[in-house]
Amino acid sequence: MSEQYVRSTSSKEVAAKKRLEYAFSVQKQKNCPAFYVLPSAMWLKTARKQQPGLAVITFDDIARYLLMQAEEVYYPLTEQERSLFFEQFLREEQTFEGEADSGRALGYADTYGQVKRLGLTAEQLPAALEPLRSLFTEYEQKVVKERKLLDPENIILRAIQLLEQRSTKLDISLIIIDGYVDFSPLQTLLLEALQKADVPIEIYLPADQPYQIVGHTADELVSLGFSDQRQEPVSVQVTVEKELVAATTAEEQWRGVIEEILAAPSLHDVAVLLVDEKRGREELERLAAEYGLPLQTAKKRPLTATALHAFLLACLRQPRSVRSRWEQLPLVEHILALYQRSGLEYAKQKQCFLQTGEWIKEEDEQLFHAITRLKWKKKDLFSRYVGQMLVWLRELPVVSSWRAQLKADDDLETLQAVAREYRAWELLCKRLEMTAELLEERGLAGELTLSLDLFANWLKELGERLQVTDKRRAENGVAIHTWRDVGLFRGKKLYVVGMNEGAFPQLSQLSGYVQERDLHESAIRFSAPTQKQLRQKQLAYLQQLDSICESITFTYVKGVDPLHPQLPSPLLEDVRRAEREWSWEARMKGKNSYTERDHHEKLAFHLGQGYRMEDEPQPLREIATRLERLADGREPLRLEKKSATVAVTALESYARCPFRYALERLFQVKEAEAAEEQVSPLAIGQLVHELIEEIYTELQLIRLPFAKAGAEQLERVPELLQERFEQKWVAVEEQNRGLSRLDLEQTKQQWKKRLDRWWQAERKHFWDNEALGEMAIEAMETSVRMPFSVKGGTELILTGKVDRVDKSGEAIVIYDYKTGKASVSAEEVRSGLKLQLPLYAFGLREQLERQTKRQLRADGASYISLREPAKRAGNGIWRKELIGKHSPYSVSSFCKNREESFGTGQYLDAYNLKERVEALWSGMHSEFPVEPQECAASCPYRAVCRVTEEQKADHAVKA
């Protein structure tokens, strides 16, 4: 009979060399494998290096060994892959079809995995999960048993079944388990099965501190039949100093830690323990690179961060139907990224493709056409998908390009990027080969069927698991540890980073739909992962630090709000709080600079405090100059020739934003191309203006008094409007081929309705209005040129085009059709934002007076919005006496733009329009400041604009 022992050890003796040598000697003596089980990857790596030839493994590895010995046929799944196959199962089973569609597959898969980790069967589900029993039972029958798809939990459970069925002795000479403070229910079940199978087992539990959870673990093992050979706990108190340091932000927390480490006499004596492993490692690696601090950890990135992986997913997910160039653009970008095209070359190719569909480089074009010819079945065998992807990977023409670049390119950054992609290609090919071989070996190549989207998800999940090394670990760097492997540290100073309340002790996180109450209601045989159990485990982790090193600094983020600070872990109540605090201001006041950037930041801080500096660094002078320029907003540009002819609309554009005016009209910078999301407003505007003029001209309604228009003429307008609109809309559709038929049809119907409402408003306000019976449309699309004298004797010629002029006797009114909403205010006139109505009224009145040789008056001017065609209040300027209840122009008393001298020089003087026009004209040839009066979020030049929030706020207040 073999024996199973529970023995004592200390945190620093985990995987001790003498223990490893003992296991190896037993293996040699009995000529049978011995296993050494450890809890983390770092322990495994260290132990394997110390004792080559010994199998240093995990519990999962033991289970896989047992299945291999039994020649069990199965395909191993990761937890993520289990979710995919769970979803596939739900899709295939019509009974659960609705569940798959509702997106619950991931939740069900996680719940199943959690139940299995608790050591429960489908028949032992807690009451709250009872509705899932039939689902889990059928999944186990059709996926686990029939298809032999085993996730990590089912591999262990199957190993336990094989142990129970086995009658002969196992080929295992010894199992030593070290470094654990507790075991999960599933691990304990495996230990029980191994004990009953008469496998020699030695379990070493730490006893250098009064760990409550360790005593509970030992009791469970003894109940299984293990012999308790632990010695009396001997407290090993090594730590002589503990402190707790607060930081204002996570950034300052890490900077404080790194700067203190850099000041340490030796990096070998210092280590960092990550409380939040994932986020903490990312922050540490980023800032360590900035400070030049070497780390004893390799810098890796997942395959999903490479251009190759994104390209392959795009190939799988590309639509089968013919697509527009904009829809194909993401695929173009993937190809350019694969070939490391960047900068101007990248931009030119995208522009060329969008405009012509052509390619600049032949190799890019060949790959693009190869992708478009690539065909994937919507549903196929998993092995065929893997094989097809492997063939596609090997035939990729970009691989030969990478090889050539690696030999010839001397640009370090490009070489690193190409090398990363090439390593990703090699790694992915190797993993796909292994998958294909495994499916073939296990006899599952012809059985597993997947849909294409699930295969794409599988490839995505594979990319998240596989990692490419960017930078190798520094042998002489700072050690990075987690709670599971901090016992490896042999130095003097340990920084435990991120000890915030809620982060440590961490709250229990059960997977899927399993809740804490389910643990108490279930028939779980061994220690369930309750909140109490987790807290005891984390307390043990914290206690072990007392025997690890001489000095420990705990850190946490308190935040920047002194009235509502974040709190440290409640387990640190007795730890002394350090007087120092890591904050940006404290760091700026530090005496040492660790990087050039840090040096400049500290100099800038002291300059901002009013200190003077004899030799100010050039970068700081440049930054100060740029800040002054930003605050000032000035942008002088002297044009050699001043044009005396200027369009009124140009004056308005300059008034809205001088900077945008310069880009659009002087430098003729085109807007960045973007996918068409709606019919071009310019195309709609041109169509509407042409349509209105053609209708009125064709029906001979121009210069015909409103009262004399025949009923037959007016009744023909709606029909003719729709007929002409249909004809012109064909051209609009030709210009907007990128839009879907549905969008085009919706826009078309929308404008047909707007034109119908416009004509109803036209009849009401003009043709059926008895008060305007003698008035007629004098002209449409009338050009206007008006002389305008400015200081220095220069005479400007202001130009424009008036959409429509109505005349009755001595009165004229001008109208400007707008396809969007339109309004005008006195302040907009004074500022120069709305000059068309007042200047057109003045210029056209004088122009008509010269032509007719009779005095005229401007009754008003108004925008007519096709979105609000009946509106006559806030969209025009009218003479005071023509507003109100008896207004012949239907202008309500709500109109605020009431003028007694509208259309005259007196009106221009009252609003200082001559001075305003002169200032705008002068600025258009000399000053283009970043001072917009209207700063729209949709401005196409936002990416290159220097406008500050303060400048926008100032103009908003003035407005």
Foldseek 3Di string as FASTA:
>chain_A
DAAEAEEADALLCFLNLVVLVVQVVLCVVVVFAAEEAADDPVSQVVNCVSDPPHHYYHLLVVLVVLCVVVVPFADEDELLVQLLVQLVVLCVDPVNNVVSVVVCSNLLSQVLVLCLLLVHDLVQFFPVCVVCSVVRVVCCVVPCVVLRYDYSSRSLVVSLVSLVVDDDADRYSEYEYGLDQADTLSSLSSVLSCVVSNHHYYYYHYQQFPQPSSVQRVVSVVVSPHHYPYDHRHHFFQADAEAEFAAADQLLLLVVVVVVCVVDPALLQEAEAELPPPVVVVSNVVVCVVLVFAEQAFDKDFLVPALVLVLVLCLLPPDLDDAALQSCLVNLLSLCRLLVNDDPRSVVQSVCCNVPVDGDDPLSVVQVVVSNPDDDDQKDFLLVVLVVVLVCLVPRPSLVVLVVCCVPPPDPVVNLSSVQVNVSSVVSNVVSVVSNVSCVVSVNRHPHMDGSVSSSVVSVVNRRPDIGTSGHHDPRGHYYHYLSNLSNRQHAEYEHEAQFACSVVPADDRGRPDDLVSVVSGPRPDDHPHRVSSNSSRVVSVRSVSNRHHYYYYYHYQHDDPVRTTGGYPVCPPHHYDPDHRYPVVLLPDPDASHPVSVLVSVVVVVVVVDDDDDRDPVVVVVVVVVVCLVVLWDWDFDPDADLEDELVLLLVCLQALQVSCCCPVVNPDFDDDQDPAQDQVLVVVLVLVLVQCLCVVLVQAPPFLAPDDPVSLVCSLVSSVVSLVVSLVVSCVVRVNDDPVRSVVVSVVVNVLVVVLSVLCCVQGNVQPLRRQKGWHDAQAKFWDWFADPPGRIHIYIDTFGTWMDGVQEIETEAEDQADAFDDLVCCLSSNDVCFQVVLQRVQVVVCVVVVDHHAYQWYFYQYSVCRNDQAGGIAGAQVQEDDPRSRPYHPNHPRHDNRGNHVVVCVVSVVSVSSVVSSVCSRTIRGRQGLDDDPPDSCPVPRSHDPVSVVVSVVVD
